[in-house]
Amino acid sequence: MADMTVPIDGNLTLEQTKDRCEVEQNKGFQLENIERMTIFQGGEALMVNNADFVSTLDRLKTLLFVEPGGSNPETIKQQKEAEDWTFLCSGPIFVKNTITNVMVFAK
């Protein structure tokens, strides 16, 4: 279960979303999961990515967000693990308000 959930603007680029997660991690948290969500504020639909973090002293500080595209996710996982990356989560998030499938790694 997450210790902290941070809503991140769904209109950010993939790099900006990663950077925003790293800022939160620097407070002593590890990203655990990120998923897209639409929230309603003042009658307006806002696209956000809810980033779930857990409190830990042994956090992996550097994040890597990968768009698998047409590539096999298992192949990407094996390749990144060979490069000492740890797989955290995968799934669709908002990137520039467009649903984009991503895989998240850390080290």
PDB file of N, CA and C in Angstrom:
ATOM      1  N   MET A   1       0.836  -1.194   0.000  1.00  0.00           N
ATOM      2  CA  MET A   1       0.000   0.000   0.000  1.00  0.00           C
ATOM      3  C   MET A   1       0.875   1.251   0.000  1.00  0.00           C
ATOM      4  N   ALA A   2       0.487   2.228  -0.766  1.00  0.00           N
ATOM      5  CA  ALA A   2       1.276   3.450  -0.921  1.00  0.00           C
ATOM      6  C   ALA A   2       1.268   4.289   0.358  1.00  0.00           C
ATOM      7  N   ASP A   3       2.396   4.899   0.649  1.00  0.00           N
ATOM      8  CA  ASP A   3       2.502   5.830   1.769  1.00  0.00           C
ATOM      9  C   ASP A   3       2.107   7.236   1.330  1.00  0.00           C
ATOM     10  N   MET A   4       2.209   7.492   0.015  1.00  0.00           N
ATOM     11  CA  MET A   4       1.919   8.820  -0.505  1.00  0.00           C
ATOM     12  C   MET A   4       1.490   8.686  -1.963  1.00  0.00           C
ATOM     13  N   THR A   5       0.444   9.401  -2.350  1.00  0.00           N
ATOM     14  CA  THR A   5       0.007   9.447  -3.746  1.00  0.00           C
ATOM     15  C   THR A   5       0.051  10.895  -4.199  1.00  0.00           C
ATOM     16  N   VAL A   6       0.730  11.127  -5.321  1.00  0.00           N
ATOM     17  CA  VAL A   6       0.895  12.479  -5.846  1.00  0.00           C
ATOM     18  C   VAL A   6       0.243  12.564  -7.224  1.00  0.00           C
ATOM     19  N   PRO A   7      -0.720  13.473  -7.409  1.00  0.00           N
ATOM     20  CA  PRO A   7      -1.285  13.672  -8.742  1.00  0.00           C
ATOM     21  C   PRO A   7      -0.319  14.500  -9.590  1.00  0.00           C
ATOM     22  N   ILE A   8      -0.026  14.018 -10.790  1.00  0.00           N
ATOM     23  CA  ILE A   8       0.893  14.699 -11.700  1.00  0.00           C
ATOM     24  C   ILE A   8       0.123  15.069 -12.959  1.00  0.00           C
ATOM     25  N   ASP A   9       0.267  16.286 -13.398  1.00  0.00           N
ATOM     26  CA  ASP A   9      -0.428  16.811 -14.572  1.00  0.00           C
ATOM     27  C   ASP A   9      -0.247  15.870 -15.763  1.00  0.00           C
ATOM     28  N   GLY A  10      -1.354  15.482 -16.379  1.00  0.00           N
ATOM     29  CA  GLY A  10      -1.311  14.580 -17.527  1.00  0.00           C
ATOM     30  C   GLY A  10      -0.855  15.244 -18.817  1.00  0.00           C
ATOM     31  N   ASN A  11      -0.639  16.562 -18.791  1.00  0.00           N
ATOM     32  CA  ASN A  11      -0.218  17.283 -19.991  1.00  0.00           C
ATOM     33  C   ASN A  11       1.299  17.407 -20.085  1.00  0.00           C
ATOM     34  N   LEU A  12       2.035  16.791 -19.161  1.00  0.00           N
ATOM     35  CA  LEU A  12       3.498  16.841 -19.193  1.00  0.00           C
ATOM     36  C   LEU A  12       4.042  15.852 -20.223  1.00  0.00           C
ATOM     37  N   THR A  13       5.283  16.082 -20.644  1.00  0.00           N
ATOM     38  CA  THR A  13       5.963  15.117 -21.508  1.00  0.00           C
ATOM     39  C   THR A  13       6.370  13.924 -20.648  1.00  0.00           C
ATOM     40  N   LEU A  14       6.794  12.854 -21.287  1.00  0.00           N
ATOM     41  CA  LEU A  14       7.238  11.669 -20.552  1.00  0.00           C
ATOM     42  C   LEU A  14       8.437  12.023 -19.665  1.00  0.00           C
ATOM     43  N   GLU A  15       9.374  12.798 -20.189  1.00  0.00           N
ATOM     44  CA  GLU A  15      10.562  13.216 -19.430  1.00  0.00           C
ATOM     45  C   GLU A  15      10.175  14.081 -18.230  1.00  0.00           C
ATOM     46  N   GLN A  16       9.228  14.999 -18.418  1.00  0.00           N
ATOM     47  CA  GLN A  16       8.782  15.860 -17.313  1.00  0.00           C
ATOM     48  C   GLN A  16       8.074  15.039 -16.233  1.00  0.00           C
ATOM     49  N   THR A  17       7.317  14.035 -16.646  1.00  0.00           N
ATOM     50  CA  THR A  17       6.632  13.162 -15.685  1.00  0.00           C
ATOM     51  C   THR A  17       7.666  12.393 -14.868  1.00  0.00           C
ATOM     52  N   LYS A  18       8.680  11.855 -15.541  1.00  0.00           N
ATOM     53  CA  LYS A  18       9.762  11.133 -14.846  1.00  0.00           C
ATOM     54  C   LYS A  18      10.462  12.058 -13.858  1.00  0.00           C
ATOM     55  N   ASP A  19      10.796  13.275 -14.312  1.00  0.00           N
ATOM     56  CA  ASP A  19      11.487  14.237 -13.439  1.00  0.00           C
ATOM     57  C   ASP A  19      10.641  14.568 -12.215  1.00  0.00           C
ATOM     58  N   ARG A  20       9.343  14.715 -12.413  1.00  0.00           N
ATOM     59  CA  ARG A  20       8.438  15.038 -11.307  1.00  0.00           C
ATOM     60  C   ARG A  20       8.423  13.904 -10.284  1.00  0.00           C
ATOM     61  N   CYS A  21       8.440  12.662 -10.762  1.00  0.00           N
ATOM     62  CA  CYS A  21       8.485  11.507  -9.853  1.00  0.00           C
ATOM     63  C   CYS A  21       9.806  11.478  -9.087  1.00  0.00           C
ATOM     64  N   GLU A  22      10.908  11.808  -9.757  1.00  0.00           N
ATOM     65  CA  GLU A  22      12.215  11.809  -9.097  1.00  0.00           C
ATOM     66  C   GLU A  22      12.275  12.871  -8.002  1.00  0.00           C
ATOM     67  N   VAL A  23      11.632  14.017  -8.213  1.00  0.00           N
ATOM     68  CA  VAL A  23      11.585  15.070  -7.185  1.00  0.00           C
ATOM     69  C   VAL A  23      10.911  14.520  -5.929  1.00  0.00           C
ATOM     70  N   GLU A  24       9.808  13.809  -6.102  1.00  0.00           N
ATOM     71  CA  GLU A  24       9.111  13.222  -4.952  1.00  0.00           C
ATOM     72  C   GLU A  24       9.977  12.162  -4.275  1.00  0.00           C
ATOM     73  N   GLN A  25      10.696  11.386  -5.073  1.00  0.00           N
ATOM     74  CA  GLN A  25      11.560  10.340  -4.510  1.00  0.00           C
ATOM     75  C   GLN A  25      12.652  10.931  -3.633  1.00  0.00           C
ATOM     76  N   ASN A  26      13.125  12.118  -3.985  1.00  0.00           N
ATOM     77  CA  ASN A  26      14.193  12.758  -3.219  1.00  0.00           C
ATOM     78  C   ASN A  26      13.759  13.101  -1.798  1.00  0.00           C
ATOM     79  N   LYS A  27      12.473  13.004  -1.523  1.00  0.00           N
ATOM     80  CA  LYS A  27      11.951  13.256  -0.176  1.00  0.00           C
ATOM     81  C   LYS A  27      11.991  11.979   0.670  1.00  0.00           C
ATOM     82  N   GLY A  28      12.566  10.889   0.123  1.00  0.00           N
ATOM     83  CA  GLY A  28      12.686   9.637   0.869  1.00  0.00           C
ATOM     84  C   GLY A  28      11.665   8.588   0.482  1.00  0.00           C
ATOM     85  N   PHE A  29      11.179   8.675  -0.747  1.00  0.00           N
ATOM     86  CA  PHE A  29      10.169   7.733  -1.218  1.00  0.00           C
ATOM     87  C   PHE A  29      10.654   7.008  -2.460  1.00  0.00           C
ATOM     88  N   GLN A  30      10.030   5.865  -2.742  1.00  0.00           N
ATOM     89  CA  GLN A  30      10.312   5.088  -3.953  1.00  0.00           C
ATOM     90  C   GLN A  30       9.019   4.980  -4.743  1.00  0.00           C
ATOM     91  N   LEU A  31       9.084   5.322  -6.028  1.00  0.00           N
ATOM     92  CA  LEU A  31       7.911   5.152  -6.880  1.00  0.00           C
ATOM     93  C   LEU A  31       7.544   3.678  -6.917  1.00  0.00           C
ATOM     94  N   GLU A  32       6.268   3.409  -6.734  1.00  0.00           N
ATOM     95  CA  GLU A  32       5.790   2.027  -6.729  1.00  0.00           C
ATOM     96  C   GLU A  32       4.902   1.755  -7.934  1.00  0.00           C
ATOM     97  N   ASN A  33       4.092   2.765  -8.297  1.00  0.00           N
ATOM     98  CA  ASN A  33       3.145   2.588  -9.394  1.00  0.00           C
ATOM     99  C   ASN A  33       2.711   3.959  -9.892  1.00  0.00           C
ATOM    100  N   ILE A  34       2.341   4.029 -11.153  1.00  0.00           N
ATOM    101  CA  ILE A  34       1.775   5.255 -11.706  1.00  0.00           C
ATOM    102  C   ILE A  34       0.662   4.853 -12.653  1.00  0.00           C
ATOM    103  N   GLU A  35      -0.490   5.526 -12.524  1.00  0.00           N
ATOM    104  CA  GLU A  35      -1.615   5.195 -13.390  1.00  0.00           C
ATOM    105  C   GLU A  35      -2.413   6.448 -13.710  1.00  0.00           C
ATOM    106  N   ARG A  36      -3.028   6.396 -14.884  1.00  0.00           N
ATOM    107  CA  ARG A  36      -3.791   7.553 -15.344  1.00  0.00           C
ATOM    108  C   ARG A  36      -5.157   7.592 -14.673  1.00  0.00           C
ATOM    109  N   MET A  37      -5.679   8.810 -14.539  1.00  0.00           N
ATOM    110  CA  MET A  37      -6.966   8.984 -13.903  1.00  0.00           C
ATOM    111  C   MET A  37      -7.545  10.318 -14.379  1.00  0.00           C
ATOM    112  N   THR A  38      -8.842  10.382 -14.500  1.00  0.00           N
ATOM    113  CA  THR A  38      -9.494  11.645 -14.829  1.00  0.00           C
ATOM    114  C   THR A  38     -10.219  12.113 -13.575  1.00  0.00           C
ATOM    115  N   ILE A  39      -9.925  13.339 -13.160  1.00  0.00           N
ATOM    116  CA  ILE A  39     -10.598  13.894 -11.986  1.00  0.00           C
ATOM    117  C   ILE A  39     -11.429  15.087 -12.436  1.00  0.00           C
ATOM    118  N   PHE A  40     -12.472  15.364 -11.699  1.00  0.00           N
ATOM    119  CA  PHE A  40     -13.346  16.490 -12.036  1.00  0.00           C
ATOM    120  C   PHE A  40     -13.173  17.578 -10.997  1.00  0.00           C
ATOM    121  N   GLN A  41     -12.815  18.755 -11.488  1.00  0.00           N
ATOM    122  CA  GLN A  41     -12.573  19.885 -10.605  1.00  0.00           C
ATOM    123  C   GLN A  41     -13.306  21.086 -11.186  1.00  0.00           C
ATOM    124  N   GLY A  42     -14.247  21.638 -10.428  1.00  0.00           N
ATOM    125  CA  GLY A  42     -15.010  22.775 -10.908  1.00  0.00           C
ATOM    126  C   GLY A  42     -15.761  22.477 -12.198  1.00  0.00           C
ATOM    127  N   GLY A  43     -16.246  21.242 -12.329  1.00  0.00           N
ATOM    128  CA  GLY A  43     -16.997  20.849 -13.516  1.00  0.00           C
ATOM    129  C   GLY A  43     -16.132  20.556 -14.729  1.00  0.00           C
ATOM    130  N   GLU A  44     -14.812  20.618 -14.553  1.00  0.00           N
ATOM    131  CA  GLU A  44     -13.894  20.379 -15.671  1.00  0.00           C
ATOM    132  C   GLU A  44     -13.162  19.055 -15.466  1.00  0.00           C
ATOM    133  N   ALA A  45     -13.028  18.285 -16.548  1.00  0.00           N
ATOM    134  CA  ALA A  45     -12.303  17.011 -16.475  1.00  0.00           C
ATOM    135  C   ALA A  45     -10.807  17.291 -16.633  1.00  0.00           C
ATOM    136  N   LEU A  46     -10.022  16.851 -15.661  1.00  0.00           N
ATOM    137  CA  LEU A  46      -8.570  17.026 -15.711  1.00  0.00           C
ATOM    138  C   LEU A  46      -7.905  15.658 -15.797  1.00  0.00           C
ATOM    139  N   MET A  47      -6.955  15.522 -16.710  1.00  0.00           N
ATOM    140  CA  MET A  47      -6.221  14.266 -16.851  1.00  0.00           C
ATOM    141  C   MET A  47      -4.979  14.327 -15.974  1.00  0.00           C
ATOM    142  N   VAL A  48      -4.861  13.362 -15.064  1.00  0.00           N
ATOM    143  CA  VAL A  48      -3.706  13.307 -14.170  1.00  0.00           C
ATOM    144  C   VAL A  48      -3.153  11.888 -14.131  1.00  0.00           C
ATOM    145  N   ASN A  49      -1.908  11.799 -13.721  1.00  0.00           N
ATOM    146  CA  ASN A  49      -1.288  10.504 -13.445  1.00  0.00           C
ATOM    147  C   ASN A  49      -1.087  10.446 -11.940  1.00  0.00           C
ATOM    148  N   ASN A  50      -1.724   9.473 -11.290  1.00  0.00           N
ATOM    149  CA  ASN A  50      -1.528   9.304  -9.853  1.00  0.00           C
ATOM    150  C   ASN A  50      -0.294   8.446  -9.641  1.00  0.00           C
ATOM    151  N   ALA A  51       0.717   9.041  -9.009  1.00  0.00           N
ATOM    152  CA  ALA A  51       1.961   8.328  -8.720  1.00  0.00           C
ATOM    153  C   ALA A  51       1.941   7.887  -7.269  1.00  0.00           C
ATOM    154  N   ASP A  52       2.064   6.583  -7.046  1.00  0.00           N
ATOM    155  CA  ASP A  52       2.083   6.013  -5.698  1.00  0.00           C
ATOM    156  C   ASP A  52       3.522   5.786  -5.264  1.00  0.00           C
ATOM    157  N   PHE A  53       3.832   6.239  -4.047  1.00  0.00           N
ATOM    158  CA  PHE A  53       5.179   6.106  -3.504  1.00  0.00           C
ATOM    159  C   PHE A  53       5.141   5.393  -2.164  1.00  0.00           C
ATOM    160  N   VAL A  54       6.212   4.668  -1.867  1.00  0.00           N
ATOM    161  CA  VAL A  54       6.377   4.055  -0.552  1.00  0.00           C
ATOM    162  C   VAL A  54       7.605   4.675   0.099  1.00  0.00           C
ATOM    163  N   SER A  55       7.541   4.815   1.405  1.00  0.00           N
ATOM    164  CA  SER A  55       8.652   5.380   2.159  1.00  0.00           C
ATOM    165  C   SER A  55       9.716   4.304   2.340  1.00  0.00           C
ATOM    166  N   THR A  56      10.966   4.632   1.996  1.00  0.00           N
ATOM    167  CA  THR A  56      12.040   3.646   2.127  1.00  0.00           C
ATOM    168  C   THR A  56      13.387   4.346   2.222  1.00  0.00           C
ATOM    169  N   LEU A  57      14.299   3.725   2.927  1.00  0.00           N
ATOM    170  CA  LEU A  57      15.660   4.253   3.006  1.00  0.00           C
ATOM    171  C   LEU A  57      16.513   3.715   1.863  1.00  0.00           C
ATOM    172  N   ASP A  58      16.105   2.562   1.313  1.00  0.00           N
ATOM    173  CA  ASP A  58      16.875   1.911   0.238  1.00  0.00           C
ATOM    174  C   ASP A  58      16.274   2.190  -1.131  1.00  0.00           C
ATOM    175  N   ARG A  59      15.992   3.434  -1.409  1.00  0.00           N
ATOM    176  CA  ARG A  59      15.320   3.729  -2.679  1.00  0.00           C
ATOM    177  C   ARG A  59      16.291   3.730  -3.854  1.00  0.00           C
ATOM    178  N   LEU A  60      15.719   3.444  -5.008  1.00  0.00           N
ATOM    179  CA  LEU A  60      16.445   3.499  -6.275  1.00  0.00           C
ATOM    180  C   LEU A  60      16.153   4.883  -6.840  1.00  0.00           C
ATOM    181  N   LYS A  61      17.165   5.738  -6.876  1.00  0.00           N
ATOM    182  CA  LYS A  61      16.935   7.165  -7.127  1.00  0.00           C
ATOM    183  C   LYS A  61      16.687   7.533  -8.579  1.00  0.00           C
ATOM    184  N   THR A  62      17.255   6.780  -9.522  1.00  0.00           N
ATOM    185  CA  THR A  62      17.143   7.145 -10.929  1.00  0.00           C
ATOM    186  C   THR A  62      16.023   6.358 -11.592  1.00  0.00           C
ATOM    187  N   LEU A  63      15.125   7.073 -12.246  1.00  0.00           N
ATOM    188  CA  LEU A  63      14.006   6.424 -12.925  1.00  0.00           C
ATOM    189  C   LEU A  63      14.216   6.437 -14.429  1.00  0.00           C
ATOM    190  N   LEU A  64      13.623   5.457 -15.086  1.00  0.00           N
ATOM    191  CA  LEU A  64      13.653   5.362 -16.543  1.00  0.00           C
ATOM    192  C   LEU A  64      12.250   4.987 -16.997  1.00  0.00           C
ATOM    193  N   PHE A  65      11.636   5.847 -17.819  1.00  0.00           N
ATOM    194  CA  PHE A  65      10.320   5.573 -18.384  1.00  0.00           C
ATOM    195  C   PHE A  65      10.535   5.195 -19.840  1.00  0.00           C
ATOM    196  N   VAL A  66      10.060   4.018 -20.237  1.00  0.00           N
ATOM    197  CA  VAL A  66      10.256   3.504 -21.596  1.00  0.00           C
ATOM    198  C   VAL A  66       8.899   3.272 -22.247  1.00  0.00           C
ATOM    199  N   GLU A  67       8.759   3.740 -23.481  1.00  0.00           N
ATOM    200  CA  GLU A  67       7.556   3.424 -24.263  1.00  0.00           C
ATOM    201  C   GLU A  67       7.882   2.179 -25.081  1.00  0.00           C
ATOM    202  N   PRO A  68       7.245   1.029 -24.777  1.00  0.00           N
ATOM    203  CA  PRO A  68       7.587  -0.196 -25.505  1.00  0.00           C
ATOM    204  C   PRO A  68       7.185  -0.167 -26.975  1.00  0.00           C
ATOM    205  N   GLY A  69       6.173   0.647 -27.317  1.00  0.00           N
ATOM    206  CA  GLY A  69       5.725   0.687 -28.711  1.00  0.00           C
ATOM    207  C   GLY A  69       5.350  -0.713 -29.164  1.00  0.00           C
ATOM    208  N   GLY A  70       5.888  -1.145 -30.305  1.00  0.00           N
ATOM    209  CA  GLY A  70       5.585  -2.472 -30.824  1.00  0.00           C
ATOM    210  C   GLY A  70       6.532  -3.543 -30.316  1.00  0.00           C
ATOM    211  N   SER A  71       7.497  -3.154 -29.466  1.00  0.00           N
ATOM    212  CA  SER A  71       8.474  -4.122 -28.951  1.00  0.00           C
ATOM    213  C   SER A  71       7.853  -5.024 -27.891  1.00  0.00           C
ATOM    214  N   ASN A  72       8.418  -6.202 -27.738  1.00  0.00           N
ATOM    215  CA  ASN A  72       7.960  -7.157 -26.736  1.00  0.00           C
ATOM    216  C   ASN A  72       8.391  -6.663 -25.349  1.00  0.00           C
ATOM    217  N   PRO A  73       7.427  -6.407 -24.442  1.00  0.00           N
ATOM    218  CA  PRO A  73       7.765  -5.920 -23.106  1.00  0.00           C
ATOM    219  C   PRO A  73       8.734  -6.832 -22.351  1.00  0.00           C
ATOM    220  N   GLU A  74       8.603  -8.145 -22.542  1.00  0.00           N
ATOM    221  CA  GLU A  74       9.512  -9.076 -21.853  1.00  0.00           C
ATOM    222  C   GLU A  74      10.952  -8.901 -22.324  1.00  0.00           C
ATOM    223  N   THR A  75      11.115  -8.648 -23.621  1.00  0.00           N
ATOM    224  CA  THR A  75      12.452  -8.413 -24.177  1.00  0.00           C
ATOM    225  C   THR A  75      13.046  -7.139 -23.580  1.00  0.00           C
ATOM    226  N   ILE A  76      12.229  -6.097 -23.483  1.00  0.00           N
ATOM    227  CA  ILE A  76      12.691  -4.834 -22.889  1.00  0.00           C
ATOM    228  C   ILE A  76      13.072  -5.052 -21.431  1.00  0.00           C
ATOM    229  N   LYS A  77      12.238  -5.802 -20.701  1.00  0.00           N
ATOM    230  CA  LYS A  77      12.519  -6.095 -19.290  1.00  0.00           C
ATOM    231  C   LYS A  77      13.867  -6.784 -19.134  1.00  0.00           C
ATOM    232  N   GLN A  78      14.092  -7.823 -19.938  1.00  0.00           N
ATOM    233  CA  GLN A  78      15.350  -8.579 -19.855  1.00  0.00           C
ATOM    234  C   GLN A  78      16.545  -7.692 -20.203  1.00  0.00           C
ATOM    235  N   GLN A  79      16.387  -6.865 -21.222  1.00  0.00           N
ATOM    236  CA  GLN A  79      17.462  -5.976 -21.651  1.00  0.00           C
ATOM    237  C   GLN A  79      17.804  -4.971 -20.546  1.00  0.00           C
ATOM    238  N   LYS A  80      16.786  -4.372 -19.933  1.00  0.00           N
ATOM    239  CA  LYS A  80      17.014  -3.366 -18.892  1.00  0.00           C
ATOM    240  C   LYS A  80      17.570  -4.007 -17.621  1.00  0.00           C
ATOM    241  N   GLU A  81      17.087  -5.203 -17.285  1.00  0.00           N
ATOM    242  CA  GLU A  81      17.604  -5.891 -16.102  1.00  0.00           C
ATOM    243  C   GLU A  81      19.077  -6.236 -16.292  1.00  0.00           C
ATOM    244  N   ALA A  82      19.483  -6.542 -17.527  1.00  0.00           N
ATOM    245  CA  ALA A  82      20.894  -6.811 -17.830  1.00  0.00           C
ATOM    246  C   ALA A  82      21.741  -5.545 -17.643  1.00  0.00           C
ATOM    247  N   GLU A  83      21.089  -4.388 -17.730  1.00  0.00           N
ATOM    248  CA  GLU A  83      21.763  -3.098 -17.530  1.00  0.00           C
ATOM    249  C   GLU A  83      21.606  -2.607 -16.089  1.00  0.00           C
ATOM    250  N   ASP A  84      21.224  -3.524 -15.179  1.00  0.00           N
ATOM    251  CA  ASP A  84      21.056  -3.241 -13.746  1.00  0.00           C
ATOM    252  C   ASP A  84      19.862  -2.360 -13.394  1.00  0.00           C
ATOM    253  N   TRP A  85      18.867  -2.288 -14.273  1.00  0.00           N
ATOM    254  CA  TRP A  85      17.638  -1.573 -13.949  1.00  0.00           C
ATOM    255  C   TRP A  85      16.683  -2.544 -13.275  1.00  0.00           C
ATOM    256  N   THR A  86      15.877  -2.063 -12.335  1.00  0.00           N
ATOM    257  CA  THR A  86      14.852  -2.851 -11.664  1.00  0.00           C
ATOM    258  C   THR A  86      13.494  -2.432 -12.204  1.00  0.00           C
ATOM    259  N   PHE A  87      12.704  -3.402 -12.635  1.00  0.00           N
ATOM    260  CA  PHE A  87      11.364  -3.123 -13.153  1.00  0.00           C
ATOM    261  C   PHE A  87      10.456  -2.720 -11.998  1.00  0.00           C
ATOM    262  N   LEU A  88       9.739  -1.592 -12.136  1.00  0.00           N
ATOM    263  CA  LEU A  88       8.820  -1.137 -11.089  1.00  0.00           C
ATOM    264  C   LEU A  88       7.366  -1.396 -11.449  1.00  0.00           C
ATOM    265  N   CYS A  89       6.949  -0.965 -12.644  1.00  0.00           N
ATOM    266  CA  CYS A  89       5.546  -1.105 -13.027  1.00  0.00           C
ATOM    267  C   CYS A  89       5.396  -0.802 -14.514  1.00  0.00           C
ATOM    268  N   SER A  90       4.225  -1.078 -15.039  1.00  0.00           N
ATOM    269  CA  SER A  90       3.939  -0.730 -16.430  1.00  0.00           C
ATOM    270  C   SER A  90       2.444  -0.501 -16.572  1.00  0.00           C
ATOM    271  N   GLY A  91       2.090   0.195 -17.629  1.00  0.00           N
ATOM    272  CA  GLY A  91       0.685   0.437 -17.901  1.00  0.00           C
ATOM    273  C   GLY A  91       0.494   1.771 -18.595  1.00  0.00           C
ATOM    274  N   PRO A  92      -0.759   2.094 -18.905  1.00  0.00           N
ATOM    275  CA  PRO A  92      -1.030   3.344 -19.615  1.00  0.00           C
ATOM    276  C   PRO A  92      -1.042   4.544 -18.667  1.00  0.00           C
ATOM    277  N   ILE A  93      -0.377   5.621 -19.080  1.00  0.00           N
ATOM    278  CA  ILE A  93      -0.424   6.891 -18.362  1.00  0.00           C
ATOM    279  C   ILE A  93      -0.710   7.990 -19.394  1.00  0.00           C
ATOM    280  N   PHE A  94      -0.966   9.191 -18.917  1.00  0.00           N
ATOM    281  CA  PHE A  94      -1.142  10.320 -19.820  1.00  0.00           C
ATOM    282  C   PHE A  94       0.204  10.965 -20.105  1.00  0.00           C
ATOM    283  N   VAL A  95       0.505  11.182 -21.369  1.00  0.00           N
ATOM    284  CA  VAL A  95       1.686  11.932 -21.804  1.00  0.00           C
ATOM    285  C   VAL A  95       1.155  12.986 -22.767  1.00  0.00           C
ATOM    286  N   LYS A  96       1.306  14.250 -22.423  1.00  0.00           N
ATOM    287  CA  LYS A  96       0.723  15.351 -23.214  1.00  0.00           C
ATOM    288  C   LYS A  96      -0.775  15.088 -23.447  1.00  0.00           C
ATOM    289  N   ASN A  97      -1.456  14.626 -22.387  1.00  0.00           N
ATOM    290  CA  ASN A  97      -2.898  14.330 -22.385  1.00  0.00           C
ATOM    291  C   ASN A  97      -3.304  13.240 -23.371  1.00  0.00           C
ATOM    292  N   THR A  98      -2.357  12.403 -23.785  1.00  0.00           N
ATOM    293  CA  THR A  98      -2.640  11.276 -24.671  1.00  0.00           C
ATOM    294  C   THR A  98      -2.272   9.992 -23.929  1.00  0.00           C
ATOM    295  N   ILE A  99      -3.131   8.992 -23.999  1.00  0.00           N
ATOM    296  CA  ILE A  99      -2.848   7.726 -23.317  1.00  0.00           C
ATOM    297  C   ILE A  99      -1.650   7.059 -23.977  1.00  0.00           C
ATOM    298  N   THR A 100      -0.634   6.779 -23.168  1.00  0.00           N
ATOM    299  CA  THR A 100       0.613   6.205 -23.647  1.00  0.00           C
ATOM    300  C   THR A 100       1.005   5.046 -22.741  1.00  0.00           C
ATOM    301  N   ASN A 101       1.334   3.909 -23.335  1.00  0.00           N
ATOM    302  CA  ASN A 101       1.770   2.764 -22.550  1.00  0.00           C
ATOM    303  C   ASN A 101       3.242   2.957 -22.177  1.00  0.00           C
ATOM    304  N   VAL A 102       3.571   2.788 -20.898  1.00  0.00           N
ATOM    305  CA  VAL A 102       4.962   2.940 -20.460  1.00  0.00           C
ATOM    306  C   VAL A 102       5.379   1.796 -19.547  1.00  0.00           C
ATOM    307  N   MET A 103       6.677   1.594 -19.491  1.00  0.00           N
ATOM    308  CA  MET A 103       7.294   0.669 -18.541  1.00  0.00           C
ATOM    309  C   MET A 103       8.230   1.534 -17.703  1.00  0.00           C
ATOM    310  N   VAL A 104       8.214   1.324 -16.391  1.00  0.00           N
ATOM    311  CA  VAL A 104       9.019   2.144 -15.489  1.00  0.00           C
ATOM    312  C   VAL A 104      10.072   1.271 -14.810  1.00  0.00           C
ATOM    313  N   PHE A 105      11.315   1.738 -14.889  1.00  0.00           N
ATOM    314  CA  PHE A 105      12.459   1.047 -14.277  1.00  0.00           C
ATOM    315  C   PHE A 105      13.167   2.018 -13.336  1.00  0.00           C
ATOM    316  N   ALA A 106      13.959   1.479 -12.420  1.00  0.00           N
ATOM    317  CA  ALA A 106      14.719   2.322 -11.496  1.00  0.00           C
ATOM    318  C   ALA A 106      16.060   1.666 -11.193  1.00  0.00           C
ATOM    319  N   LYS A 107      17.040   2.535 -10.827  1.00  0.00           N
ATOM    320  CA  LYS A 107      18.306   2.013 -10.296  1.00  0.00           C
ATOM    321  C   LYS A 107      18.992   3.065  -9.469  1.00  0.00           C
TER     322      LYS A 107
END
